[in-house]
Amino acid sequence: MLAQEVEENIRSSGAAEIDAHEVGLAILGPLQKLDEVAYLRFASVYQAFESLEDFESAISLLRHEAETAAADNAAKGAKGKSSEKSPI
């Protein structure tokens, strides 16, 4: 599934050729959705992490994205409940 999603994304770019580094970068988004730890390990190579601060920054970004997604889901859930009609 991961490989298929990455392949579809690369094919949709329309490029006749793509180098291996670009393939690695194309993997990052789908991998992040699949497994955050695997994403961090992979990103540390392809984004050339050089320090603990690089890891901390990536982890902070992942946490922020997770919190934002959770807040969005909670807001959607609350909105859906408020629009439901209650039985009389």
PDB file of N, CA and C in Angstrom:
ATOM      1  N   MET A   1       0.816  -1.183   0.000  1.00  0.00           N
ATOM      2  CA  MET A   1       0.000   0.000   0.000  1.00  0.00           C
ATOM      3  C   MET A   1       0.872   1.263   0.000  1.00  0.00           C
ATOM      4  N   LEU A   2       1.890   1.315   0.839  1.00  0.00           N
ATOM      5  CA  LEU A   2       2.791   2.466   0.871  1.00  0.00           C
ATOM      6  C   LEU A   2       3.470   2.631  -0.484  1.00  0.00           C
ATOM      7  N   ALA A   3       4.009   1.538  -1.006  1.00  0.00           N
ATOM      8  CA  ALA A   3       4.708   1.603  -2.292  1.00  0.00           C
ATOM      9  C   ALA A   3       3.772   2.039  -3.408  1.00  0.00           C
ATOM     10  N   GLN A   4       2.550   1.537  -3.385  1.00  0.00           N
ATOM     11  CA  GLN A   4       1.577   1.897  -4.414  1.00  0.00           C
ATOM     12  C   GLN A   4       1.240   3.389  -4.353  1.00  0.00           C
ATOM     13  N   GLU A   5       1.037   3.909  -3.143  1.00  0.00           N
ATOM     14  CA  GLU A   5       0.722   5.331  -2.990  1.00  0.00           C
ATOM     15  C   GLU A   5       1.874   6.204  -3.470  1.00  0.00           C
ATOM     16  N   VAL A   6       3.092   5.823  -3.127  1.00  0.00           N
ATOM     17  CA  VAL A   6       4.264   6.592  -3.548  1.00  0.00           C
ATOM     18  C   VAL A   6       4.404   6.535  -5.066  1.00  0.00           C
ATOM     19  N   GLU A   7       4.225   5.350  -5.633  1.00  0.00           N
ATOM     20  CA  GLU A   7       4.328   5.203  -7.089  1.00  0.00           C
ATOM     21  C   GLU A   7       3.282   6.065  -7.795  1.00  0.00           C
ATOM     22  N   GLU A   8       2.055   6.060  -7.304  1.00  0.00           N
ATOM     23  CA  GLU A   8       0.999   6.877  -7.913  1.00  0.00           C
ATOM     24  C   GLU A   8       1.341   8.362  -7.836  1.00  0.00           C
ATOM     25  N   ASN A   9       1.876   8.797  -6.696  1.00  0.00           N
ATOM     26  CA  ASN A   9       2.262  10.204  -6.543  1.00  0.00           C
ATOM     27  C   ASN A   9       3.368  10.587  -7.519  1.00  0.00           C
ATOM     28  N   ILE A  10       4.340   9.714  -7.672  1.00  0.00           N
ATOM     29  CA  ILE A  10       5.455   9.996  -8.576  1.00  0.00           C
ATOM     30  C   ILE A  10       4.976  10.001 -10.021  1.00  0.00           C
ATOM     31  N   ARG A  11       4.157   9.019 -10.386  1.00  0.00           N
ATOM     32  CA  ARG A  11       3.635   8.970 -11.761  1.00  0.00           C
ATOM     33  C   ARG A  11       2.789  10.202 -12.076  1.00  0.00           C
ATOM     34  N   SER A  12       2.034  10.681 -11.099  1.00  0.00           N
ATOM     35  CA  SER A  12       1.169  11.841 -11.335  1.00  0.00           C
ATOM     36  C   SER A  12       1.968  13.127 -11.545  1.00  0.00           C
ATOM     37  N   SER A  13       3.243  13.114 -11.160  1.00  0.00           N
ATOM     38  CA  SER A  13       4.080  14.297 -11.373  1.00  0.00           C
ATOM     39  C   SER A  13       4.383  14.498 -12.850  1.00  0.00           C
ATOM     40  N   GLY A  14       4.301  13.418 -13.631  1.00  0.00           N
ATOM     41  CA  GLY A  14       4.531  13.511 -15.065  1.00  0.00           C
ATOM     42  C   GLY A  14       5.991  13.518 -15.472  1.00  0.00           C
ATOM     43  N   ALA A  15       6.894  13.418 -14.527  1.00  0.00           N
ATOM     44  CA  ALA A  15       8.323  13.433 -14.846  1.00  0.00           C
ATOM     45  C   ALA A  15       8.723  12.131 -15.533  1.00  0.00           C
ATOM     46  N   ALA A  16       9.529  12.244 -16.578  1.00  0.00           N
ATOM     47  CA  ALA A  16      10.004  11.060 -17.292  1.00  0.00           C
ATOM     48  C   ALA A  16      11.030  10.302 -16.457  1.00  0.00           C
ATOM     49  N   GLU A  17      11.807  11.037 -15.691  1.00  0.00           N
ATOM     50  CA  GLU A  17      12.816  10.431 -14.821  1.00  0.00           C
ATOM     51  C   GLU A  17      12.769  11.115 -13.464  1.00  0.00           C
ATOM     52  N   ILE A  18      13.117  10.352 -12.447  1.00  0.00           N
ATOM     53  CA  ILE A  18      13.172  10.908 -11.093  1.00  0.00           C
ATOM     54  C   ILE A  18      14.333  10.230 -10.372  1.00  0.00           C
ATOM     55  N   ASP A  19      15.137  11.011  -9.664  1.00  0.00           N
ATOM     56  CA  ASP A  19      16.293  10.398  -9.007  1.00  0.00           C
ATOM     57  C   ASP A  19      15.893   9.752  -7.680  1.00  0.00           C
ATOM     58  N   ALA A  20      16.766   8.910  -7.192  1.00  0.00           N
ATOM     59  CA  ALA A  20      16.481   8.116  -5.988  1.00  0.00           C
ATOM     60  C   ALA A  20      16.196   8.997  -4.775  1.00  0.00           C
ATOM     61  N   HIS A  21      16.877  10.118  -4.669  1.00  0.00           N
ATOM     62  CA  HIS A  21      16.649  11.011  -3.526  1.00  0.00           C
ATOM     63  C   HIS A  21      15.220  11.554  -3.545  1.00  0.00           C
ATOM     64  N   GLU A  22      14.720  11.887  -4.722  1.00  0.00           N
ATOM     65  CA  GLU A  22      13.348  12.383  -4.837  1.00  0.00           C
ATOM     66  C   GLU A  22      12.338  11.299  -4.477  1.00  0.00           C
ATOM     67  N   VAL A  23      12.654  10.054  -4.802  1.00  0.00           N
ATOM     68  CA  VAL A  23      11.783   8.941  -4.404  1.00  0.00           C
ATOM     69  C   VAL A  23      11.746   8.862  -2.881  1.00  0.00           C
ATOM     70  N   GLY A  24      12.902   8.986  -2.256  1.00  0.00           N
ATOM     71  CA  GLY A  24      12.964   8.971  -0.795  1.00  0.00           C
ATOM     72  C   GLY A  24      12.126  10.077  -0.182  1.00  0.00           C
ATOM     73  N   LEU A  25      12.198  11.264  -0.756  1.00  0.00           N
ATOM     74  CA  LEU A  25      11.393  12.378  -0.254  1.00  0.00           C
ATOM     75  C   LEU A  25       9.902  12.131  -0.476  1.00  0.00           C
ATOM     76  N   ALA A  26       9.555  11.481  -1.584  1.00  0.00           N
ATOM     77  CA  ALA A  26       8.147  11.182  -1.878  1.00  0.00           C
ATOM     78  C   ALA A  26       7.568  10.179  -0.893  1.00  0.00           C
ATOM     79  N   ILE A  27       8.420   9.402  -0.275  1.00  0.00           N
ATOM     80  CA  ILE A  27       7.973   8.398   0.695  1.00  0.00           C
ATOM     81  C   ILE A  27       7.581   9.048   2.026  1.00  0.00           C
ATOM     82  N   LEU A  28       8.162  10.187   2.348  1.00  0.00           N
ATOM     83  CA  LEU A  28       7.984  10.792   3.668  1.00  0.00           C
ATOM     84  C   LEU A  28       6.525  11.022   4.057  1.00  0.00           C
ATOM     85  N   GLY A  29       5.734  11.634   3.203  1.00  0.00           N
ATOM     86  CA  GLY A  29       4.339  11.937   3.545  1.00  0.00           C
ATOM     87  C   GLY A  29       3.517  10.699   3.864  1.00  0.00           C
ATOM     88  N   PRO A  30       3.465   9.742   2.935  1.00  0.00           N
ATOM     89  CA  PRO A  30       2.702   8.523   3.220  1.00  0.00           C
ATOM     90  C   PRO A  30       3.246   7.738   4.418  1.00  0.00           C
ATOM     91  N   LEU A  31       4.564   7.732   4.591  1.00  0.00           N
ATOM     92  CA  LEU A  31       5.153   7.009   5.716  1.00  0.00           C
ATOM     93  C   LEU A  31       4.773   7.664   7.040  1.00  0.00           C
ATOM     94  N   GLN A  32       4.691   8.977   7.066  1.00  0.00           N
ATOM     95  CA  GLN A  32       4.298   9.691   8.287  1.00  0.00           C
ATOM     96  C   GLN A  32       2.903   9.263   8.721  1.00  0.00           C
ATOM     97  N   LYS A  33       1.987   9.120   7.758  1.00  0.00           N
ATOM     98  CA  LYS A  33       0.625   8.694   8.082  1.00  0.00           C
ATOM     99  C   LYS A  33       0.596   7.249   8.573  1.00  0.00           C
ATOM    100  N   LEU A  34       1.514   6.432   8.077  1.00  0.00           N
ATOM    101  CA  LEU A  34       1.531   5.008   8.399  1.00  0.00           C
ATOM    102  C   LEU A  34       2.188   4.706   9.741  1.00  0.00           C
ATOM    103  N   ASP A  35       3.354   5.314  10.006  1.00  0.00           N
ATOM    104  CA  ASP A  35       4.135   4.976  11.204  1.00  0.00           C
ATOM    105  C   ASP A  35       5.072   6.139  11.527  1.00  0.00           C
ATOM    106  N   GLU A  36       4.783   6.856  12.603  1.00  0.00           N
ATOM    107  CA  GLU A  36       5.564   8.049  12.935  1.00  0.00           C
ATOM    108  C   GLU A  36       7.017   7.740  13.281  1.00  0.00           C
ATOM    109  N   VAL A  37       7.262   6.619  13.950  1.00  0.00           N
ATOM    110  CA  VAL A  37       8.644   6.273  14.310  1.00  0.00           C
ATOM    111  C   VAL A  37       9.437   5.931  13.052  1.00  0.00           C
ATOM    112  N   ALA A  38       8.844   5.146  12.170  1.00  0.00           N
ATOM    113  CA  ALA A  38       9.510   4.827  10.904  1.00  0.00           C
ATOM    114  C   ALA A  38       9.754   6.103  10.104  1.00  0.00           C
ATOM    115  N   TYR A  39       8.785   7.008  10.145  1.00  0.00           N
ATOM    116  CA  TYR A  39       8.938   8.295   9.460  1.00  0.00           C
ATOM    117  C   TYR A  39      10.158   9.047   9.995  1.00  0.00           C
ATOM    118  N   LEU A  40      10.291   9.143  11.316  1.00  0.00           N
ATOM    119  CA  LEU A  40      11.430   9.862  11.903  1.00  0.00           C
ATOM    120  C   LEU A  40      12.761   9.229  11.512  1.00  0.00           C
ATOM    121  N   ARG A  41      12.803   7.924  11.525  1.00  0.00           N
ATOM    122  CA  ARG A  41      14.048   7.238  11.166  1.00  0.00           C
ATOM    123  C   ARG A  41      14.402   7.505   9.708  1.00  0.00           C
ATOM    124  N   PHE A  42      13.402   7.407   8.849  1.00  0.00           N
ATOM    125  CA  PHE A  42      13.615   7.623   7.423  1.00  0.00           C
ATOM    126  C   PHE A  42      13.949   9.092   7.157  1.00  0.00           C
ATOM    127  N   ALA A  43      13.215   9.999   7.788  1.00  0.00           N
ATOM    128  CA  ALA A  43      13.438  11.434   7.593  1.00  0.00           C
ATOM    129  C   ALA A  43      14.827  11.850   8.047  1.00  0.00           C
ATOM    130  N   SER A  44      15.337  11.198   9.074  1.00  0.00           N
ATOM    131  CA  SER A  44      16.660  11.571   9.574  1.00  0.00           C
ATOM    132  C   SER A  44      17.733  11.372   8.512  1.00  0.00           C
ATOM    133  N   VAL A  45      17.513  10.434   7.604  1.00  0.00           N
ATOM    134  CA  VAL A  45      18.457  10.211   6.507  1.00  0.00           C
ATOM    135  C   VAL A  45      18.184  11.184   5.364  1.00  0.00           C
ATOM    136  N   TYR A  46      16.947  11.222   4.905  1.00  0.00           N
ATOM    137  CA  TYR A  46      16.630  12.000   3.711  1.00  0.00           C
ATOM    138  C   TYR A  46      16.571  13.497   3.945  1.00  0.00           C
ATOM    139  N   GLN A  47      16.400  13.916   5.171  1.00  0.00           N
ATOM    140  CA  GLN A  47      16.454  15.342   5.468  1.00  0.00           C
ATOM    141  C   GLN A  47      17.757  15.705   6.170  1.00  0.00           C
ATOM    142  N   ALA A  48      18.668  14.747   6.237  1.00  0.00           N
ATOM    143  CA  ALA A  48      20.025  14.961   6.756  1.00  0.00           C
ATOM    144  C   ALA A  48      20.037  15.579   8.150  1.00  0.00           C
ATOM    145  N   PHE A  49      19.335  14.936   9.097  1.00  0.00           N
ATOM    146  CA  PHE A  49      19.377  15.401  10.481  1.00  0.00           C
ATOM    147  C   PHE A  49      20.823  15.347  10.951  1.00  0.00           C
ATOM    148  N   GLU A  50      21.256  16.415  11.623  1.00  0.00           N
ATOM    149  CA  GLU A  50      22.636  16.492  12.086  1.00  0.00           C
ATOM    150  C   GLU A  50      22.760  16.621  13.591  1.00  0.00           C
ATOM    151  N   SER A  51      21.624  16.806  14.279  1.00  0.00           N
ATOM    152  CA  SER A  51      21.696  17.029  15.719  1.00  0.00           C
ATOM    153  C   SER A  51      20.420  16.563  16.396  1.00  0.00           C
ATOM    154  N   LEU A  52      20.472  16.539  17.722  1.00  0.00           N
ATOM    155  CA  LEU A  52      19.270  16.210  18.490  1.00  0.00           C
ATOM    156  C   LEU A  52      18.178  17.245  18.252  1.00  0.00           C
ATOM    157  N   GLU A  53      18.592  18.482  18.025  1.00  0.00           N
ATOM    158  CA  GLU A  53      17.618  19.543  17.770  1.00  0.00           C
ATOM    159  C   GLU A  53      16.809  19.262  16.506  1.00  0.00           C
ATOM    160  N   ASP A  54      17.446  18.651  15.507  1.00  0.00           N
ATOM    161  CA  ASP A  54      16.717  18.285  14.292  1.00  0.00           C
ATOM    162  C   ASP A  54      15.626  17.268  14.611  1.00  0.00           C
ATOM    163  N   PHE A  55      15.959  16.281  15.447  1.00  0.00           N
ATOM    164  CA  PHE A  55      14.962  15.288  15.859  1.00  0.00           C
ATOM    165  C   PHE A  55      13.866  15.944  16.695  1.00  0.00           C
ATOM    166  N   GLU A  56      14.264  16.803  17.633  1.00  0.00           N
ATOM    167  CA  GLU A  56      13.283  17.482  18.485  1.00  0.00           C
ATOM    168  C   GLU A  56      12.327  18.331  17.655  1.00  0.00           C
ATOM    169  N   SER A  57      12.851  19.005  16.662  1.00  0.00           N
ATOM    170  CA  SER A  57      12.019  19.829  15.793  1.00  0.00           C
ATOM    171  C   SER A  57      11.021  18.971  15.019  1.00  0.00           C
ATOM    172  N   ALA A  58      11.484  17.845  14.490  1.00  0.00           N
ATOM    173  CA  ALA A  58      10.598  16.943  13.745  1.00  0.00           C
ATOM    174  C   ALA A  58       9.532  16.352  14.662  1.00  0.00           C
ATOM    175  N   ILE A  59       9.915  15.995  15.875  1.00  0.00           N
ATOM    176  CA  ILE A  59       8.952  15.442  16.837  1.00  0.00           C
ATOM    177  C   ILE A  59       7.926  16.506  17.224  1.00  0.00           C
ATOM    178  N   SER A  60       8.377  17.725  17.441  1.00  0.00           N
ATOM    179  CA  SER A  60       7.450  18.819  17.770  1.00  0.00           C
ATOM    180  C   SER A  60       6.451  19.043  16.646  1.00  0.00           C
ATOM    181  N   LEU A  61       6.931  18.989  15.417  1.00  0.00           N
ATOM    182  CA  LEU A  61       6.040  19.158  14.270  1.00  0.00           C
ATOM    183  C   LEU A  61       5.011  18.029  14.210  1.00  0.00           C
ATOM    184  N   LEU A  62       5.455  16.787  14.442  1.00  0.00           N
ATOM    185  CA  LEU A  62       4.527  15.650  14.456  1.00  0.00           C
ATOM    186  C   LEU A  62       3.477  15.822  15.547  1.00  0.00           C
ATOM    187  N   ARG A  63       3.906  16.248  16.731  1.00  0.00           N
ATOM    188  CA  ARG A  63       2.960  16.451  17.836  1.00  0.00           C
ATOM    189  C   ARG A  63       1.958  17.546  17.502  1.00  0.00           C
ATOM    190  N   HIS A  64       2.441  18.635  16.934  1.00  0.00           N
ATOM    191  CA  HIS A  64       1.555  19.739  16.570  1.00  0.00           C
ATOM    192  C   HIS A  64       0.525  19.281  15.534  1.00  0.00           C
ATOM    193  N   GLU A  65       0.972  18.532  14.530  1.00  0.00           N
ATOM    194  CA  GLU A  65       0.052  18.034  13.503  1.00  0.00           C
ATOM    195  C   GLU A  65      -0.977  17.084  14.106  1.00  0.00           C
ATOM    196  N   ALA A  66      -0.552  16.237  15.051  1.00  0.00           N
ATOM    197  CA  ALA A  66      -1.480  15.307  15.704  1.00  0.00           C
ATOM    198  C   ALA A  66      -2.501  16.067  16.542  1.00  0.00           C
ATOM    199  N   GLU A  67      -2.051  17.082  17.260  1.00  0.00           N
ATOM    200  CA  GLU A  67      -2.965  17.888  18.081  1.00  0.00           C
ATOM    201  C   GLU A  67      -3.957  18.648  17.209  1.00  0.00           C
ATOM    202  N   THR A  68      -3.485  19.187  16.103  1.00  0.00           N
ATOM    203  CA  THR A  68      -4.362  19.907  15.180  1.00  0.00           C
ATOM    204  C   THR A  68      -5.404  18.970  14.587  1.00  0.00           C
ATOM    205  N   ALA A  69      -4.977  17.771  14.187  1.00  0.00           N
ATOM    206  CA  ALA A  69      -5.913  16.793  13.624  1.00  0.00           C
ATOM    207  C   ALA A  69      -6.942  16.371  14.661  1.00  0.00           C
ATOM    208  N   ALA A  70      -6.507  16.170  15.905  1.00  0.00           N
ATOM    209  CA  ALA A  70      -7.434  15.779  16.973  1.00  0.00           C
ATOM    210  C   ALA A  70      -8.445  16.889  17.241  1.00  0.00           C
ATOM    211  N   ALA A  71      -7.987  18.130  17.245  1.00  0.00           N
ATOM    212  CA  ALA A  71      -8.892  19.259  17.468  1.00  0.00           C
ATOM    213  C   ALA A  71      -9.890  19.386  16.319  1.00  0.00           C
ATOM    214  N   ASP A  72      -9.412  19.183  15.090  1.00  0.00           N
ATOM    215  CA  ASP A  72     -10.308  19.237  13.930  1.00  0.00           C
ATOM    216  C   ASP A  72     -11.363  18.142  14.005  1.00  0.00           C
ATOM    217  N   ASN A  73     -10.941  16.936  14.385  1.00  0.00           N
ATOM    218  CA  ASN A  73     -11.882  15.820  14.508  1.00  0.00           C
ATOM    219  C   ASN A  73     -12.898  16.077  15.609  1.00  0.00           C
ATOM    220  N   ALA A  74     -12.453  16.639  16.720  1.00  0.00           N
ATOM    221  CA  ALA A  74     -13.368  16.948  17.823  1.00  0.00           C
ATOM    222  C   ALA A  74     -14.376  18.010  17.392  1.00  0.00           C
ATOM    223  N   ALA A  75     -13.904  19.007  16.651  1.00  0.00           N
ATOM    224  CA  ALA A  75     -14.800  20.064  16.176  1.00  0.00           C
ATOM    225  C   ALA A  75     -15.820  19.507  15.193  1.00  0.00           C
ATOM    226  N   LYS A  76     -15.384  18.611  14.324  1.00  0.00           N
ATOM    227  CA  LYS A  76     -16.311  17.993  13.372  1.00  0.00           C
ATOM    228  C   LYS A  76     -17.338  17.145  14.100  1.00  0.00           C
ATOM    229  N   GLY A  77     -16.903  16.422  15.121  1.00  0.00           N
ATOM    230  CA  GLY A  77     -17.813  15.592  15.906  1.00  0.00           C
ATOM    231  C   GLY A  77     -18.832  16.432  16.642  1.00  0.00           C
ATOM    232  N   ALA A  78     -18.399  17.530  17.227  1.00  0.00           N
ATOM    233  CA  ALA A  78     -19.308  18.418  17.954  1.00  0.00           C
ATOM    234  C   ALA A  78     -20.283  19.084  16.993  1.00  0.00           C
ATOM    235  N   LYS A  79     -19.808  19.446  15.826  1.00  0.00           N
ATOM    236  CA  LYS A  79     -20.664  20.085  14.828  1.00  0.00           C
ATOM    237  C   LYS A  79     -21.726  19.104  14.341  1.00  0.00           C
ATOM    238  N   GLY A  80     -21.326  17.850  14.110  1.00  0.00           N
ATOM    239  CA  GLY A  80     -22.266  16.830  13.656  1.00  0.00           C
ATOM    240  C   GLY A  80     -23.328  16.540  14.690  1.00  0.00           C
ATOM    241  N   LYS A  81     -22.950  16.539  15.963  1.00  0.00           N
ATOM    242  CA  LYS A  81     -23.907  16.270  17.039  1.00  0.00           C
ATOM    243  C   LYS A  81     -24.887  17.416  17.203  1.00  0.00           C
ATOM    244  N   SER A  82     -24.422  18.639  17.037  1.00  0.00           N
ATOM    245  CA  SER A  82     -25.307  19.787  17.230  1.00  0.00           C
ATOM    246  C   SER A  82     -26.316  19.915  16.098  1.00  0.00           C
ATOM    247  N   SER A  83     -25.986  19.370  14.927  1.00  0.00           N
ATOM    248  CA  SER A  83     -26.913  19.474  13.808  1.00  0.00           C
ATOM    249  C   SER A  83     -27.915  18.327  13.774  1.00  0.00           C
ATOM    250  N   GLU A  84     -27.701  17.305  14.614  1.00  0.00           N
ATOM    251  CA  GLU A  84     -28.647  16.197  14.672  1.00  0.00           C
ATOM    252  C   GLU A  84     -29.901  16.647  15.405  1.00  0.00           C
ATOM    253  N   LYS A  85     -31.031  16.180  14.932  1.00  0.00           N
ATOM    254  CA  LYS A  85     -32.292  16.517  15.593  1.00  0.00           C
ATOM    255  C   LYS A  85     -32.525  15.552  16.735  1.00  0.00           C
ATOM    256  N   SER A  86     -32.924  16.083  17.866  1.00  0.00           N
ATOM    257  CA  SER A  86     -33.214  15.230  19.014  1.00  0.00           C
ATOM    258  C   SER A  86     -34.675  14.797  18.951  1.00  0.00           C
ATOM    259  N   PRO A  87     -34.955  13.563  19.389  1.00  0.00           N
ATOM    260  CA  PRO A  87     -36.339  13.090  19.357  1.00  0.00           C
ATOM    261  C   PRO A  87     -37.186  13.867  20.353  1.00  0.00           C
ATOM    262  N   ILE A  88     -38.418  14.115  19.985  1.00  0.00           N
ATOM    263  CA  ILE A  88     -39.328  14.884  20.853  1.00  0.00           C
ATOM    264  C   ILE A  88     -40.258  13.958  21.576  1.00  0.00           C
TER     265      ILE A  88
END
